[in-house]
């Protein structure tokens, strides 16, 4: 019988361009990563034979959800301003999930979309989108120790 597991959101570390993005996370999903395309495609022949092919496209995106009052939002705003002034600037993106020994990274990442800004009586939420040239995912206890 499997034992109970504990999930600690503080054990999920996010960084981009050498800066930690762990302050002021939004409730719920504060980081989402996904590939641009499905990594495999299924082809079924007229006779019912099946072939599975892998795509060469390993690009992806990461969506970072934070509060408008957070250091994460402030850091990403400054990086976005710098990127716009200098042209697209690449930085390393990484997620370390210390709960499950999972690492997701891209050696080349950039700010793909700045969030819409809404202001009101409650703290605002911001969703930043990073483009990822090659999203790599791995699971290894040795990587995180």
N, C-alpha and C. Protein backbone atom coordinates (compact mmCIF):
# COMPACT_ATOMS: atom_id res chain seq x y z
N UNK A 1 0.86 -1.18 0.00
CA UNK A 1 0.00 0.00 0.00
C UNK A 1 0.90 1.24 0.00
N UNK A 2 0.72 2.12 -0.97
CA UNK A 2 1.55 3.32 -1.03
C UNK A 2 1.29 4.26 0.15
N UNK A 3 2.35 4.92 0.59
CA UNK A 3 2.22 5.87 1.69
C UNK A 3 1.72 7.21 1.21
N UNK A 4 1.32 8.02 2.15
CA UNK A 4 0.84 9.37 1.83
C UNK A 4 2.01 10.22 1.33
N UNK A 5 1.74 11.14 0.48
CA UNK A 5 2.75 12.04 -0.06
C UNK A 5 2.43 13.46 0.36
N UNK A 6 3.45 14.26 0.45
CA UNK A 6 3.28 15.67 0.81
C UNK A 6 3.72 16.53 -0.36
N UNK A 7 2.90 17.49 -0.73
CA UNK A 7 3.25 18.45 -1.77
C UNK A 7 3.48 19.80 -1.10
N UNK A 8 4.67 20.34 -1.27
CA UNK A 8 5.02 21.64 -0.71
C UNK A 8 5.31 22.60 -1.85
N UNK A 9 4.43 23.59 -2.11
CA UNK A 9 4.66 24.51 -3.23
C UNK A 9 5.96 25.31 -3.09
N UNK A 10 6.47 25.42 -1.87
CA UNK A 10 7.74 26.13 -1.68
C UNK A 10 8.92 25.34 -2.23
N UNK A 11 8.71 24.06 -2.50
CA UNK A 11 9.77 23.23 -3.06
C UNK A 11 9.76 23.22 -4.58
N UNK A 12 9.03 24.13 -5.18
CA UNK A 12 9.05 24.31 -6.63
C UNK A 12 9.75 25.64 -6.89
N UNK A 13 10.92 25.56 -7.50
CA UNK A 13 11.77 26.72 -7.73
C UNK A 13 11.77 27.07 -9.21
N UNK A 14 11.52 28.35 -9.52
CA UNK A 14 11.47 28.81 -10.89
C UNK A 14 12.51 29.91 -11.06
N UNK A 15 13.25 29.86 -12.18
CA UNK A 15 14.22 30.93 -12.46
C UNK A 15 14.25 31.21 -13.96
N UNK A 16 14.61 32.44 -14.27
CA UNK A 16 14.77 32.88 -15.66
C UNK A 16 15.85 33.95 -15.70
N UNK A 17 16.79 33.80 -16.63
CA UNK A 17 17.87 34.77 -16.83
C UNK A 17 18.64 35.02 -15.53
N UNK A 18 18.84 33.96 -14.76
CA UNK A 18 19.61 34.07 -13.53
C UNK A 18 18.89 34.69 -12.36
N UNK A 19 17.58 34.88 -12.48
CA UNK A 19 16.80 35.49 -11.40
C UNK A 19 15.73 34.53 -10.90
N UNK A 20 15.61 34.42 -9.59
CA UNK A 20 14.58 33.58 -8.99
C UNK A 20 13.22 34.23 -9.15
N UNK A 21 12.23 33.45 -9.54
CA UNK A 21 10.86 33.95 -9.74
C UNK A 21 9.92 33.21 -8.78
N UNK A 22 10.20 33.31 -7.49
CA UNK A 22 9.45 32.55 -6.50
C UNK A 22 8.61 33.41 -5.57
N UNK A 23 8.63 34.71 -5.73
CA UNK A 23 7.91 35.60 -4.82
C UNK A 23 6.57 36.03 -5.42
N UNK A 24 5.52 35.99 -4.62
CA UNK A 24 4.22 36.51 -5.04
C UNK A 24 3.50 35.63 -6.04
N UNK A 25 3.66 34.34 -5.87
CA UNK A 25 2.98 33.41 -6.77
C UNK A 25 1.47 33.50 -6.60
N UNK A 26 0.78 33.31 -7.70
CA UNK A 26 -0.67 33.29 -7.66
C UNK A 26 -1.12 31.94 -7.09
N UNK A 27 -2.30 31.93 -6.50
CA UNK A 27 -2.86 30.67 -6.02
C UNK A 27 -3.17 29.78 -7.21
N UNK A 28 -3.22 28.50 -6.97
CA UNK A 28 -3.48 27.56 -8.06
C UNK A 28 -2.21 27.29 -8.83
N UNK A 29 -2.31 27.21 -10.14
CA UNK A 29 -1.15 26.94 -10.98
C UNK A 29 -0.35 28.22 -11.17
N UNK A 30 0.81 28.31 -10.52
CA UNK A 30 1.62 29.51 -10.68
C UNK A 30 2.66 29.36 -11.77
N UNK A 31 2.88 28.15 -12.27
CA UNK A 31 3.77 27.94 -13.42
C UNK A 31 3.20 26.80 -14.25
N UNK A 32 3.12 27.00 -15.54
CA UNK A 32 2.66 25.98 -16.46
C UNK A 32 3.65 25.92 -17.61
N UNK A 33 4.11 24.71 -17.96
CA UNK A 33 4.96 24.54 -19.12
C UNK A 33 4.26 23.62 -20.11
N UNK A 34 4.51 23.86 -21.39
CA UNK A 34 3.91 23.00 -22.40
C UNK A 34 4.71 23.09 -23.70
N UNK A 35 4.69 21.99 -24.44
CA UNK A 35 5.31 21.98 -25.75
C UNK A 35 4.41 22.69 -26.75
N UNK A 36 5.00 23.28 -27.77
CA UNK A 36 4.24 23.95 -28.81
C UNK A 36 3.41 22.94 -29.60
N UNK A 37 4.01 21.79 -29.87
CA UNK A 37 3.31 20.74 -30.60
C UNK A 37 3.38 19.44 -29.80
N UNK A 38 2.47 18.52 -30.11
CA UNK A 38 2.55 17.20 -29.52
C UNK A 38 3.88 16.59 -29.92
N UNK A 39 4.50 15.83 -29.02
CA UNK A 39 5.83 15.30 -29.29
C UNK A 39 5.82 14.05 -30.15
N UNK A 40 4.69 13.42 -30.30
CA UNK A 40 4.56 12.29 -31.22
C UNK A 40 3.30 12.47 -32.06
N UNK A 41 3.36 11.91 -33.26
CA UNK A 41 2.19 11.92 -34.15
C UNK A 41 1.93 10.49 -34.58
N UNK A 42 0.66 10.13 -34.61
CA UNK A 42 0.25 8.78 -35.00
C UNK A 42 -0.26 8.80 -36.43
N UNK A 43 0.24 7.87 -37.23
CA UNK A 43 -0.19 7.73 -38.62
C UNK A 43 -0.78 6.33 -38.77
N UNK A 44 -2.00 6.27 -39.27
CA UNK A 44 -2.66 4.98 -39.47
C UNK A 44 -2.85 4.78 -40.97
N UNK A 45 -2.33 3.65 -41.47
CA UNK A 45 -2.44 3.33 -42.89
C UNK A 45 -3.82 2.79 -43.24
N UNK A 46 -4.06 2.67 -44.53
CA UNK A 46 -5.34 2.16 -45.01
C UNK A 46 -5.60 0.75 -44.53
N UNK A 47 -4.52 -0.01 -44.25
CA UNK A 47 -4.68 -1.39 -43.78
C UNK A 47 -4.74 -1.47 -42.25
N UNK A 48 -4.72 -0.32 -41.58
CA UNK A 48 -4.80 -0.29 -40.13
C UNK A 48 -3.45 -0.32 -39.42
N UNK A 49 -2.36 -0.41 -40.19
CA UNK A 49 -1.04 -0.40 -39.56
C UNK A 49 -0.76 0.97 -38.96
N UNK A 50 -0.08 0.98 -37.83
CA UNK A 50 0.15 2.22 -37.08
C UNK A 50 1.64 2.52 -37.03
N UNK A 51 1.98 3.76 -37.32
CA UNK A 51 3.35 4.25 -37.18
C UNK A 51 3.31 5.49 -36.31
N UNK A 52 4.21 5.55 -35.34
CA UNK A 52 4.31 6.71 -34.47
C UNK A 52 5.62 7.42 -34.79
N UNK A 53 5.55 8.70 -35.09
CA UNK A 53 6.76 9.46 -35.38
C UNK A 53 6.93 10.56 -34.33
N UNK A 54 8.19 10.84 -34.04
CA UNK A 54 8.50 11.91 -33.09
C UNK A 54 8.72 13.19 -33.87
N UNK A 55 8.29 14.30 -33.30
CA UNK A 55 8.48 15.58 -33.93
C UNK A 55 9.86 16.12 -33.57
N UNK A 56 10.44 16.90 -34.45
CA UNK A 56 11.72 17.55 -34.16
C UNK A 56 11.50 18.85 -33.38
N UNK A 57 10.27 19.35 -33.38
CA UNK A 57 9.96 20.61 -32.71
C UNK A 57 9.82 20.38 -31.20
N UNK A 58 10.80 20.82 -30.45
CA UNK A 58 10.75 20.71 -28.99
C UNK A 58 10.59 22.09 -28.35
N UNK A 59 10.15 23.06 -29.13
CA UNK A 59 9.91 24.39 -28.57
C UNK A 59 8.70 24.34 -27.65
N UNK A 60 8.59 25.34 -26.80
CA UNK A 60 7.46 25.37 -25.88
C UNK A 60 7.25 26.74 -25.31
N UNK A 61 6.45 26.78 -24.27
CA UNK A 61 6.22 28.03 -23.57
C UNK A 61 5.99 27.74 -22.10
N UNK A 62 6.26 28.75 -21.30
CA UNK A 62 6.01 28.69 -19.87
C UNK A 62 5.16 29.89 -19.51
N UNK A 63 4.10 29.67 -18.76
CA UNK A 63 3.26 30.75 -18.29
C UNK A 63 3.46 30.88 -16.78
N UNK A 64 3.84 32.07 -16.36
CA UNK A 64 4.11 32.35 -14.95
C UNK A 64 3.00 33.26 -14.44
N UNK A 65 2.25 32.77 -13.46
CA UNK A 65 1.15 33.54 -12.86
C UNK A 65 1.59 34.08 -11.51
N UNK A 66 1.51 35.41 -11.37
CA UNK A 66 1.95 36.04 -10.13
C UNK A 66 1.02 37.20 -9.78
N UNK A 67 1.22 37.75 -8.61
CA UNK A 67 0.45 38.92 -8.18
C UNK A 67 1.14 40.19 -8.68
N UNK A 68 0.36 41.22 -8.91
CA UNK A 68 0.91 42.48 -9.41
C UNK A 68 1.87 43.13 -8.42
N UNK A 69 1.78 42.76 -7.16
CA UNK A 69 2.64 43.34 -6.12
C UNK A 69 3.91 42.54 -5.89
N UNK A 70 4.16 41.50 -6.67
CA UNK A 70 5.26 40.58 -6.41
C UNK A 70 6.58 41.03 -6.98
N UNK A 71 7.66 40.52 -6.38
CA UNK A 71 9.00 40.72 -6.93
C UNK A 71 9.10 40.05 -8.29
N UNK A 72 8.42 38.93 -8.47
CA UNK A 72 8.44 38.24 -9.76
C UNK A 72 7.93 39.15 -10.87
N UNK A 73 6.82 39.83 -10.64
CA UNK A 73 6.26 40.75 -11.64
C UNK A 73 7.23 41.92 -11.89
N UNK A 74 7.82 42.44 -10.84
CA UNK A 74 8.76 43.55 -10.98
C UNK A 74 9.98 43.12 -11.80
N UNK A 75 10.53 41.94 -11.51
CA UNK A 75 11.70 41.43 -12.22
C UNK A 75 11.38 41.20 -13.69
N UNK A 76 10.26 40.56 -13.97
CA UNK A 76 9.89 40.30 -15.36
C UNK A 76 9.60 41.58 -16.13
N UNK A 77 9.02 42.57 -15.46
CA UNK A 77 8.79 43.87 -16.12
C UNK A 77 10.12 44.50 -16.52
N UNK A 78 11.10 44.49 -15.62
CA UNK A 78 12.42 45.06 -15.91
C UNK A 78 13.10 44.29 -17.05
N UNK A 79 13.02 42.96 -17.03
CA UNK A 79 13.62 42.16 -18.10
C UNK A 79 12.93 42.43 -19.43
N UNK A 80 11.62 42.60 -19.40
CA UNK A 80 10.87 42.89 -20.62
C UNK A 80 11.26 44.25 -21.20
N UNK A 81 11.39 45.24 -20.34
CA UNK A 81 11.82 46.57 -20.81
C UNK A 81 13.20 46.49 -21.45
N UNK A 82 14.10 45.74 -20.82
CA UNK A 82 15.46 45.57 -21.36
C UNK A 82 15.43 44.82 -22.69
N UNK A 83 14.61 43.79 -22.76
CA UNK A 83 14.49 43.02 -24.00
C UNK A 83 13.99 43.88 -25.14
N UNK A 84 13.00 44.73 -24.86
CA UNK A 84 12.45 45.61 -25.90
C UNK A 84 13.47 46.65 -26.35
N UNK A 85 14.28 47.13 -25.43
CA UNK A 85 15.28 48.15 -25.77
C UNK A 85 16.45 47.56 -26.56
N UNK A 86 16.85 46.34 -26.24
CA UNK A 86 18.04 45.74 -26.85
C UNK A 86 17.73 44.72 -27.94
N UNK A 87 16.48 44.39 -28.12
CA UNK A 87 16.12 43.28 -29.00
C UNK A 87 15.93 42.05 -28.14
N UNK A 88 15.51 40.96 -28.75
CA UNK A 88 15.24 39.75 -27.98
C UNK A 88 16.49 39.31 -27.24
N UNK A 89 16.36 39.16 -25.96
CA UNK A 89 17.46 38.71 -25.11
C UNK A 89 17.13 37.31 -24.62
N UNK A 90 18.10 36.40 -24.73
CA UNK A 90 17.88 35.02 -24.30
C UNK A 90 18.45 34.80 -22.92
N UNK A 91 17.76 33.99 -22.14
CA UNK A 91 18.23 33.60 -20.82
C UNK A 91 17.83 32.16 -20.56
N UNK A 92 18.44 31.55 -19.59
CA UNK A 92 18.10 30.18 -19.21
C UNK A 92 16.84 30.19 -18.36
N UNK A 93 15.92 29.30 -18.66
CA UNK A 93 14.69 29.11 -17.88
C UNK A 93 14.78 27.75 -17.23
N UNK A 94 14.33 27.68 -15.95
CA UNK A 94 14.38 26.40 -15.25
C UNK A 94 13.29 26.30 -14.19
N UNK A 95 12.71 25.12 -14.09
CA UNK A 95 11.79 24.77 -13.00
C UNK A 95 12.39 23.55 -12.31
N UNK A 96 12.57 23.65 -11.00
CA UNK A 96 13.00 22.51 -10.18
C UNK A 96 11.84 22.15 -9.27
N UNK A 97 11.32 20.96 -9.44
CA UNK A 97 10.27 20.47 -8.55
C UNK A 97 10.93 19.50 -7.58
N UNK A 98 11.27 19.99 -6.42
CA UNK A 98 11.95 19.18 -5.42
C UNK A 98 11.02 18.18 -4.75
N UNK A 99 9.71 18.32 -4.93
CA UNK A 99 8.75 17.34 -4.43
C UNK A 99 8.87 16.03 -5.19
N UNK A 100 9.08 16.12 -6.49
CA UNK A 100 9.01 14.96 -7.37
C UNK A 100 10.28 14.69 -8.17
N UNK A 101 11.36 15.41 -7.86
CA UNK A 101 12.64 15.26 -8.56
C UNK A 101 12.49 15.45 -10.07
N UNK A 102 11.79 16.52 -10.45
CA UNK A 102 11.59 16.84 -11.86
C UNK A 102 12.27 18.16 -12.18
N UNK A 103 12.95 18.17 -13.32
CA UNK A 103 13.62 19.38 -13.81
C UNK A 103 13.07 19.67 -15.20
N UNK A 104 12.69 20.92 -15.42
CA UNK A 104 12.30 21.38 -16.75
C UNK A 104 13.15 22.60 -17.05
N UNK A 105 13.73 22.64 -18.26
CA UNK A 105 14.60 23.77 -18.57
C UNK A 105 14.65 24.03 -20.06
N UNK A 106 15.09 25.23 -20.37
CA UNK A 106 15.40 25.62 -21.74
C UNK A 106 16.60 26.53 -21.68
N UNK A 107 17.64 26.19 -22.42
CA UNK A 107 18.86 27.00 -22.42
C UNK A 107 18.63 28.36 -23.06
N UNK A 108 17.64 28.44 -23.94
CA UNK A 108 17.30 29.71 -24.59
C UNK A 108 15.82 30.00 -24.37
N UNK A 109 15.55 31.05 -23.60
CA UNK A 109 14.18 31.46 -23.34
C UNK A 109 14.11 32.98 -23.46
N UNK A 110 12.93 33.50 -23.71
CA UNK A 110 12.71 34.93 -23.87
C UNK A 110 11.30 35.25 -23.44
N UNK A 111 11.03 36.52 -23.18
CA UNK A 111 9.67 36.93 -22.83
C UNK A 111 8.88 37.05 -24.12
N UNK A 112 7.91 36.19 -24.27
CA UNK A 112 7.10 36.13 -25.48
C UNK A 112 5.91 37.08 -25.41
N UNK A 113 5.32 37.20 -24.21
CA UNK A 113 4.15 38.06 -24.07
C UNK A 113 4.10 38.65 -22.66
N UNK A 114 3.91 39.95 -22.61
CA UNK A 114 3.70 40.64 -21.33
C UNK A 114 2.22 40.52 -20.97
N UNK A 115 1.91 40.60 -19.69
CA UNK A 115 0.51 40.42 -19.28
C UNK A 115 -0.33 41.65 -19.54
N UNK A 116 -1.62 41.43 -19.60
CA UNK A 116 -2.57 42.54 -19.56
C UNK A 116 -2.57 43.04 -18.12
N UNK A 117 -2.71 44.32 -17.93
CA UNK A 117 -2.74 44.89 -16.59
C UNK A 117 -4.14 45.38 -16.27
N UNK A 118 -4.69 44.85 -15.20
CA UNK A 118 -5.99 45.29 -14.70
C UNK A 118 -5.78 45.80 -13.28
N UNK A 119 -6.46 46.87 -12.92
CA UNK A 119 -6.32 47.47 -11.60
C UNK A 119 -7.69 47.55 -10.95
N UNK A 120 -7.75 47.27 -9.65
CA UNK A 120 -9.03 47.30 -8.96
C UNK A 120 -8.84 47.29 -7.46
N UNK A 121 -9.91 46.97 -6.75
CA UNK A 121 -9.89 46.96 -5.28
C UNK A 121 -9.07 45.81 -4.72
N UNK A 122 -8.96 44.72 -5.46
CA UNK A 122 -8.17 43.56 -5.03
C UNK A 122 -6.83 43.57 -5.75
N UNK A 123 -5.87 42.83 -5.21
CA UNK A 123 -4.56 42.73 -5.85
C UNK A 123 -4.74 42.12 -7.24
N UNK A 124 -4.04 42.68 -8.22
CA UNK A 124 -4.14 42.19 -9.58
C UNK A 124 -3.31 40.94 -9.80
N UNK A 125 -3.69 40.19 -10.82
CA UNK A 125 -2.95 39.00 -11.20
C UNK A 125 -2.31 39.25 -12.56
N UNK A 126 -1.11 38.72 -12.75
CA UNK A 126 -0.38 38.90 -13.99
C UNK A 126 0.07 37.55 -14.52
N UNK A 127 -0.06 37.36 -15.83
CA UNK A 127 0.36 36.12 -16.48
C UNK A 127 1.42 36.45 -17.53
N UNK A 128 2.65 36.10 -17.26
CA UNK A 128 3.77 36.31 -18.17
C UNK A 128 3.99 35.04 -18.98
N UNK A 129 4.29 35.18 -20.26
CA UNK A 129 4.54 34.02 -21.11
C UNK A 129 5.98 34.09 -21.63
N UNK A 130 6.72 33.03 -21.37
CA UNK A 130 8.09 32.91 -21.87
C UNK A 130 8.10 31.93 -23.05
N UNK A 131 8.82 32.29 -24.09
CA UNK A 131 9.04 31.37 -25.20
C UNK A 131 10.25 30.50 -24.86
N UNK A 132 10.20 29.23 -25.21
CA UNK A 132 11.27 28.29 -24.90
C UNK A 132 11.75 27.65 -26.20
N UNK A 133 13.01 27.83 -26.55
CA UNK A 133 13.54 27.28 -27.80
C UNK A 133 13.50 25.76 -27.80
N UNK A 134 13.89 25.14 -26.67
CA UNK A 134 13.89 23.69 -26.55
C UNK A 134 13.56 23.32 -25.11
N UNK A 135 12.34 22.87 -24.88
CA UNK A 135 11.90 22.48 -23.55
C UNK A 135 12.39 21.07 -23.26
N UNK A 136 13.23 20.94 -22.23
CA UNK A 136 13.76 19.64 -21.83
C UNK A 136 13.16 19.28 -20.48
N UNK A 137 12.68 18.05 -20.37
CA UNK A 137 12.10 17.56 -19.12
C UNK A 137 12.86 16.31 -18.68
N UNK A 138 13.17 16.25 -17.39
CA UNK A 138 13.83 15.05 -16.89
C UNK A 138 13.40 14.80 -15.44
N UNK A 139 13.54 13.56 -15.05
CA UNK A 139 13.22 13.15 -13.69
C UNK A 139 14.39 12.36 -13.16
N UNK A 140 15.03 12.90 -12.13
CA UNK A 140 16.19 12.23 -11.59
C UNK A 140 16.47 12.71 -10.17
N UNK A 141 16.55 11.78 -9.25
CA UNK A 141 16.89 12.14 -7.88
C UNK A 141 18.30 12.72 -7.79
N UNK A 142 19.20 12.27 -8.63
CA UNK A 142 20.59 12.73 -8.55
C UNK A 142 20.75 14.17 -9.00
N UNK A 143 19.88 14.65 -9.88
CA UNK A 143 19.96 16.03 -10.34
C UNK A 143 19.66 17.01 -9.23
N UNK A 144 18.80 16.63 -8.30
CA UNK A 144 18.31 17.56 -7.29
C UNK A 144 19.01 17.44 -5.95
N UNK A 145 19.93 16.54 -5.80
CA UNK A 145 20.58 16.39 -4.50
C UNK A 145 21.93 17.05 -4.47
